[in-house]
Amino acid sequence: MRVACPYCGERISIAIDAGADAQRYIEDCEVCCRPIVFEVWRDAAGDWGVAASREDDA
C-alpha cells in the first residue's frame, strides 16, 4: 500500500500485517527519515484503511 508522508509529502510503500485487523505503529519515512504514526484497520467489508500522521500530532 502507498501512503503520503505527512512531513515531506512523498508517497511511500508500507506493508500491512494481514493477521491483525487493527494496528498502530511508528515507522520512519524512507525519504525524509522523520517518524510517521500509522494506524491501519480493516472495515466491515474487509477493505484496508490507513491513516498517516506526524509523531507530534499523535
Protein backbone atom coordinates (compact mmCIF):
# COMPACT_ATOMS: atom_id res chain seq x y z
CA MET A 1 0.00 0.00 0.00
CA ARG A 2 1.25 3.52 -0.78
CA VAL A 3 0.75 6.44 1.63
CA ALA A 4 1.85 10.10 1.53
CA CYS A 5 4.34 11.12 4.22
CA PRO A 6 2.76 13.83 6.43
CA TYR A 7 6.12 15.65 6.57
CA CYS A 8 7.57 15.68 3.05
CA GLY A 9 4.54 14.57 1.01
CA GLU A 10 6.41 11.80 -0.81
CA ARG A 11 4.41 8.63 -1.43
CA ILE A 12 5.98 5.67 0.35
CA SER A 13 5.14 1.97 0.42
CA ILE A 14 4.12 0.27 3.65
CA ALA A 15 3.49 -3.38 4.42
CA ILE A 16 0.33 -4.43 6.22
CA ASP A 17 0.20 -7.39 8.61
CA ALA A 18 -2.87 -9.22 7.32
CA GLY A 19 -3.02 -11.23 10.54
CA ALA A 20 -4.31 -8.27 12.55
CA ASP A 21 -7.47 -6.26 11.86
CA ALA A 22 -6.15 -3.10 13.56
CA GLN A 23 -2.59 -1.87 14.00
CA ARG A 24 -0.83 1.25 15.25
CA TYR A 25 2.91 1.66 14.83
CA ILE A 26 5.66 4.19 14.13
CA GLU A 27 7.98 3.90 11.15
CA ASP A 28 10.48 6.38 9.72
CA CYS A 29 9.80 7.85 6.27
CA GLU A 30 12.19 6.26 3.76
CA VAL A 31 12.66 9.68 2.10
CA CYS A 32 12.97 12.28 4.90
CA CYS A 33 13.60 9.87 7.84
CA ARG A 34 11.02 11.51 10.12
CA PRO A 35 8.80 9.28 12.33
CA ILE A 36 5.30 8.62 10.96
CA VAL A 37 2.48 7.19 13.07
CA PHE A 38 0.48 4.67 11.05
CA GLU A 39 -2.99 3.49 12.02
CA VAL A 40 -4.21 0.59 9.93
CA TRP A 41 -7.64 -1.03 10.12
CA ARG A 42 -9.95 -3.34 8.22
CA ASP A 43 -13.57 -2.26 7.74
CA ALA A 44 -16.69 -4.46 7.77
CA ALA A 45 -16.33 -5.12 4.03
CA GLY A 46 -12.76 -6.37 4.53
CA ASP A 47 -11.11 -3.36 2.90
CA TRP A 48 -7.98 -1.83 4.47
CA GLY A 49 -7.78 1.77 5.64
CA VAL A 50 -4.60 3.65 6.57
CA ALA A 51 -4.06 6.97 8.32
CA ALA A 52 -0.59 8.52 8.49
CA SER A 53 0.16 11.36 10.89
CA ARG A 54 3.14 13.20 12.35
CA GLU A 55 4.51 11.79 15.57
CA ASP A 56 3.97 15.17 17.29
CA ASP A 57 0.28 15.12 16.27
CA ALA A 58 -0.39 11.72 17.86
